[in-house]
Amino acid sequence: MNKSQSNPKWSLDETILAFDVYQSMKPKNPQKTSPEVKELSILLNNLHQKLGTSADEKLRNEAGCYMKMMNIRAHDPEYQGAGLKGGNRLDR
């Protein structure tokens, strides 16, 4: 992967996979170091590798997958906290 390239935005399919992992972990909150987050990262990186995506080494790493799930959590009506304020329309 090329370090000078910026990573692509999360696609609808990737967001759905992250949402599925988020939902499957309930009522437990995802952790950066949880095996589920690592597996999601590996899956998404394998997908991008097969697609030939040009990106840097941080593409869909564990921290990024965790952050995506925290963006999703911000819109979870069952979550009593605030979650992250970032994200995009797909997270809603």
C-alpha atoms as a PDB file:
ATOM      1  CA  MET A   1       0.000   0.000   0.000  1.00  0.00           C
ATOM      2  CA  ASN A   2       1.177   3.458  -0.816  1.00  0.00           C
ATOM      3  CA  LYS A   3       1.832   5.816   2.108  1.00  0.00           C
ATOM      4  CA  SER A   4       1.111   8.908   0.009  1.00  0.00           C
ATOM      5  CA  GLN A   5      -2.481   7.849  -0.731  1.00  0.00           C
ATOM      6  CA  SER A   6      -5.289   8.786   1.612  1.00  0.00           C
ATOM      7  CA  ASN A   7      -7.630   6.049   2.678  1.00  0.00           C
ATOM      8  CA  PRO A   8     -11.013   5.782   0.957  1.00  0.00           C
ATOM      9  CA  LYS A   9     -14.195   6.724   2.774  1.00  0.00           C
ATOM     10  CA  TRP A  10     -16.095   3.909   4.404  1.00  0.00           C
ATOM     11  CA  SER A  11     -18.470   2.272   1.956  1.00  0.00           C
ATOM     12  CA  LEU A  12     -22.025   1.222   2.750  1.00  0.00           C
ATOM     13  CA  ASP A  13     -20.951  -2.446   2.772  1.00  0.00           C
ATOM     14  CA  GLU A  14     -18.094  -1.773   5.192  1.00  0.00           C
ATOM     15  CA  THR A  15     -20.391   0.233   7.470  1.00  0.00           C
ATOM     16  CA  ILE A  16     -22.942  -2.588   7.452  1.00  0.00           C
ATOM     17  CA  LEU A  17     -20.228  -5.056   8.483  1.00  0.00           C
ATOM     18  CA  ALA A  18     -19.091  -2.733  11.295  1.00  0.00           C
ATOM     19  CA  PHE A  19     -22.725  -2.296  12.401  1.00  0.00           C
ATOM     20  CA  ASP A  20     -23.170  -6.078  12.425  1.00  0.00           C
ATOM     21  CA  VAL A  21     -20.127  -6.526  14.662  1.00  0.00           C
ATOM     22  CA  TYR A  22     -21.325  -3.690  16.915  1.00  0.00           C
ATOM     23  CA  GLN A  23     -24.787  -5.269  17.246  1.00  0.00           C
ATOM     24  CA  SER A  24     -23.395  -8.768  17.822  1.00  0.00           C
ATOM     25  CA  MET A  25     -21.367  -7.547  20.801  1.00  0.00           C
ATOM     26  CA  LYS A  26     -24.330  -6.016  22.651  1.00  0.00           C
ATOM     27  CA  PRO A  27     -24.875  -5.491  25.527  1.00  0.00           C
ATOM     28  CA  LYS A  28     -21.075  -5.455  25.864  1.00  0.00           C
ATOM     29  CA  ASN A  29     -19.356  -2.364  24.483  1.00  0.00           C
ATOM     30  CA  PRO A  30     -16.702  -2.957  21.819  1.00  0.00           C
ATOM     31  CA  GLN A  31     -13.129  -2.565  22.994  1.00  0.00           C
ATOM     32  CA  LYS A  32     -10.169  -1.590  20.820  1.00  0.00           C
ATOM     33  CA  THR A  33      -8.471  -4.853  21.698  1.00  0.00           C
ATOM     34  CA  SER A  34     -11.461  -7.180  21.332  1.00  0.00           C
ATOM     35  CA  PRO A  35     -11.084 -10.153  18.964  1.00  0.00           C
ATOM     36  CA  GLU A  36     -14.201  -9.048  17.069  1.00  0.00           C
ATOM     37  CA  VAL A  37     -12.645  -5.678  16.201  1.00  0.00           C
ATOM     38  CA  LYS A  38      -9.453  -7.406  15.070  1.00  0.00           C
ATOM     39  CA  GLU A  39     -11.431  -9.840  12.898  1.00  0.00           C
ATOM     40  CA  LEU A  40     -13.350  -6.955  11.296  1.00  0.00           C
ATOM     41  CA  SER A  41     -10.078  -5.188  10.533  1.00  0.00           C
ATOM     42  CA  ILE A  42      -8.628  -8.308   8.922  1.00  0.00           C
ATOM     43  CA  LEU A  43     -11.778  -8.910   6.883  1.00  0.00           C
ATOM     44  CA  LEU A  44     -11.905  -5.338   5.571  1.00  0.00           C
ATOM     45  CA  ASN A  45      -8.199  -5.294   4.771  1.00  0.00           C
ATOM     46  CA  ASN A  46      -8.512  -8.570   2.871  1.00  0.00           C
ATOM     47  CA  LEU A  47     -11.391  -7.072   0.914  1.00  0.00           C
ATOM     48  CA  HIS A  48      -9.393  -3.954   0.024  1.00  0.00           C
ATOM     49  CA  GLN A  49      -6.374  -6.054  -0.905  1.00  0.00           C
ATOM     50  CA  LYS A  50      -8.490  -8.091  -3.345  1.00  0.00           C
ATOM     51  CA  LEU A  51      -9.954  -4.872  -4.760  1.00  0.00           C
ATOM     52  CA  GLY A  52      -6.466  -3.399  -5.180  1.00  0.00           C
ATOM     53  CA  THR A  53      -7.250  -0.320  -3.108  1.00  0.00           C
ATOM     54  CA  SER A  54      -4.420   2.197  -2.925  1.00  0.00           C
ATOM     55  CA  ALA A  55      -4.098   3.329   0.675  1.00  0.00           C
ATOM     56  CA  ASP A  56      -1.707   3.571   3.587  1.00  0.00           C
ATOM     57  CA  GLU A  57      -0.926   1.043   6.310  1.00  0.00           C
ATOM     58  CA  LYS A  58      -3.671   2.464   8.529  1.00  0.00           C
ATOM     59  CA  LEU A  59      -6.445   1.352   6.164  1.00  0.00           C
ATOM     60  CA  ARG A  60      -9.197  -0.171   8.293  1.00  0.00           C
ATOM     61  CA  ASN A  61      -6.822  -0.946  11.133  1.00  0.00           C
ATOM     62  CA  GLU A  62      -8.213  -1.950  14.536  1.00  0.00           C
ATOM     63  CA  ALA A  63      -8.263   1.639  15.802  1.00  0.00           C
ATOM     64  CA  GLY A  64     -10.207   2.769  12.728  1.00  0.00           C
ATOM     65  CA  CYS A  65     -12.701  -0.094  13.011  1.00  0.00           C
ATOM     66  CA  TYR A  66     -13.207   0.684  16.688  1.00  0.00           C
ATOM     67  CA  MET A  67     -13.737   4.370  15.883  1.00  0.00           C
ATOM     68  CA  LYS A  68     -16.334   3.476  13.240  1.00  0.00           C
ATOM     69  CA  MET A  69     -18.240   1.441  15.829  1.00  0.00           C
ATOM     70  CA  MET A  70     -18.091   4.356  18.264  1.00  0.00           C
ATOM     71  CA  ASN A  71     -19.534   6.611  15.532  1.00  0.00           C
ATOM     72  CA  ILE A  72     -22.340   4.079  15.120  1.00  0.00           C
ATOM     73  CA  ARG A  73     -22.858   3.952  18.893  1.00  0.00           C
ATOM     74  CA  ALA A  74     -23.512   7.722  18.925  1.00  0.00           C
ATOM     75  CA  HIS A  75     -26.766   6.968  17.073  1.00  0.00           C
ATOM     76  CA  ASP A  76     -27.758   3.912  19.122  1.00  0.00           C
ATOM     77  CA  PRO A  77     -30.995   4.709  21.007  1.00  0.00           C
ATOM     78  CA  GLU A  78     -30.154   2.004  23.582  1.00  0.00           C
ATOM     79  CA  TYR A  79     -26.833   3.627  24.478  1.00  0.00           C
ATOM     80  CA  GLN A  80     -27.130   6.110  27.350  1.00  0.00           C
ATOM     81  CA  GLY A  81     -23.853   7.957  26.672  1.00  0.00           C
ATOM     82  CA  ALA A  82     -22.902  10.370  23.939  1.00  0.00           C
ATOM     83  CA  GLY A  83     -20.628   8.290  21.683  1.00  0.00           C
ATOM     84  CA  LEU A  84     -18.380  10.023  19.161  1.00  0.00           C
ATOM     85  CA  LYS A  85     -19.688  13.097  17.396  1.00  0.00           C
ATOM     86  CA  GLY A  86     -17.906  12.342  14.095  1.00  0.00           C
ATOM     87  CA  GLY A  87     -19.021   9.915  11.488  1.00  0.00           C
ATOM     88  CA  ASN A  88     -21.108  10.285   8.393  1.00  0.00           C
ATOM     89  CA  ARG A  89     -24.672   9.804   7.188  1.00  0.00           C
ATOM     90  CA  LEU A  90     -24.127   6.031   6.880  1.00  0.00           C
ATOM     91  CA  ASP A  91     -23.491   5.798  10.631  1.00  0.00           C
ATOM     92  CA  ARG A  92     -26.995   7.093  11.300  1.00  0.00           C
END
